[in-house]
Amino acid sequence: MLAGGMSGMLGGIFQYLSFQPHYESLTRGVIDSKDVIYFGSFATFCLVLAHAVLSRRNAIDA
């Protein structure tokens, strides 16, 4: 939604980072390497962030 209201380079960046275009191509049955890398990178980022938060929480509790 944010990408739709912007134009130029910043709008293009938000459009690329948006889930919708990557998800739509996968739902059509098109398995593109850039979409797989996108979702793999996002999953890895979320796992690293969760690990950091839990490690910090455990360090504070100890």
Protein backbone atom coordinates (compact mmCIF):
# COMPACT_ATOMS: atom_id res chain seq x y z
CA MET A 1 0.00 0.00 0.00
CA LEU A 2 2.87 2.34 0.81
CA ALA A 3 4.58 1.61 -2.50
CA GLY A 4 1.44 2.45 -4.49
CA GLY A 5 1.39 6.02 -3.24
CA MET A 6 5.03 6.77 -4.08
CA SER A 7 6.82 7.29 -7.32
CA GLY A 8 10.44 7.44 -8.36
CA MET A 9 13.29 5.45 -6.91
CA LEU A 10 11.84 5.27 -3.39
CA GLY A 11 8.55 3.91 -4.74
CA GLY A 12 10.47 1.30 -6.72
CA ILE A 13 12.34 0.18 -3.61
CA PHE A 14 9.13 -0.18 -1.61
CA GLN A 15 7.53 -2.02 -4.53
CA TYR A 16 10.42 -4.52 -4.63
CA LEU A 17 10.28 -5.05 -0.85
CA SER A 18 6.53 -5.66 -0.97
CA PHE A 19 5.26 -9.21 -0.43
CA GLN A 20 2.46 -9.00 -2.97
CA PRO A 21 4.35 -9.16 -6.31
CA HIS A 22 6.55 -12.02 -5.08
CA TYR A 23 3.60 -13.92 -3.66
CA GLU A 24 1.43 -13.43 -6.76
CA SER A 25 4.00 -15.00 -9.05
CA LEU A 26 4.27 -18.01 -6.75
CA THR A 27 0.49 -18.43 -6.62
CA ARG A 28 0.43 -18.52 -10.44
CA GLY A 29 2.82 -21.47 -10.26
CA VAL A 30 5.86 -19.56 -11.49
CA ILE A 31 8.84 -20.47 -9.33
CA ASP A 32 11.38 -17.74 -9.97
CA SER A 33 14.73 -17.77 -8.21
CA LYS A 34 14.40 -14.12 -7.15
CA ASP A 35 11.12 -14.90 -5.34
CA VAL A 36 12.61 -17.93 -3.61
CA ILE A 37 15.65 -15.87 -2.56
CA TYR A 38 13.34 -13.06 -1.37
CA PHE A 39 11.30 -15.34 0.91
CA GLY A 40 14.39 -17.26 2.03
CA SER A 41 16.12 -14.02 2.97
CA PHE A 42 13.06 -12.80 4.82
CA ALA A 43 12.77 -16.07 6.77
CA THR A 44 16.49 -15.97 7.62
CA PHE A 45 16.22 -12.35 8.77
CA CYS A 46 13.26 -13.20 11.03
CA LEU A 47 15.08 -16.20 12.54
CA VAL A 48 18.21 -14.15 13.23
CA LEU A 49 16.12 -11.39 14.79
CA ALA A 50 14.24 -13.90 16.98
CA HIS A 51 17.53 -15.48 18.07
CA ALA A 52 18.94 -12.08 19.00
CA VAL A 53 15.85 -11.12 21.00
CA LEU A 54 15.74 -14.45 22.85
CA SER A 55 19.49 -14.38 23.56
CA ARG A 56 19.19 -10.89 24.96
CA ARG A 57 16.19 -11.87 27.09
CA ASN A 58 18.03 -14.91 28.46
CA ALA A 59 21.13 -12.81 29.23
CA ILE A 60 19.02 -10.31 31.18
CA ASP A 61 17.24 -13.06 33.17
CA ALA A 62 20.47 -14.84 34.10
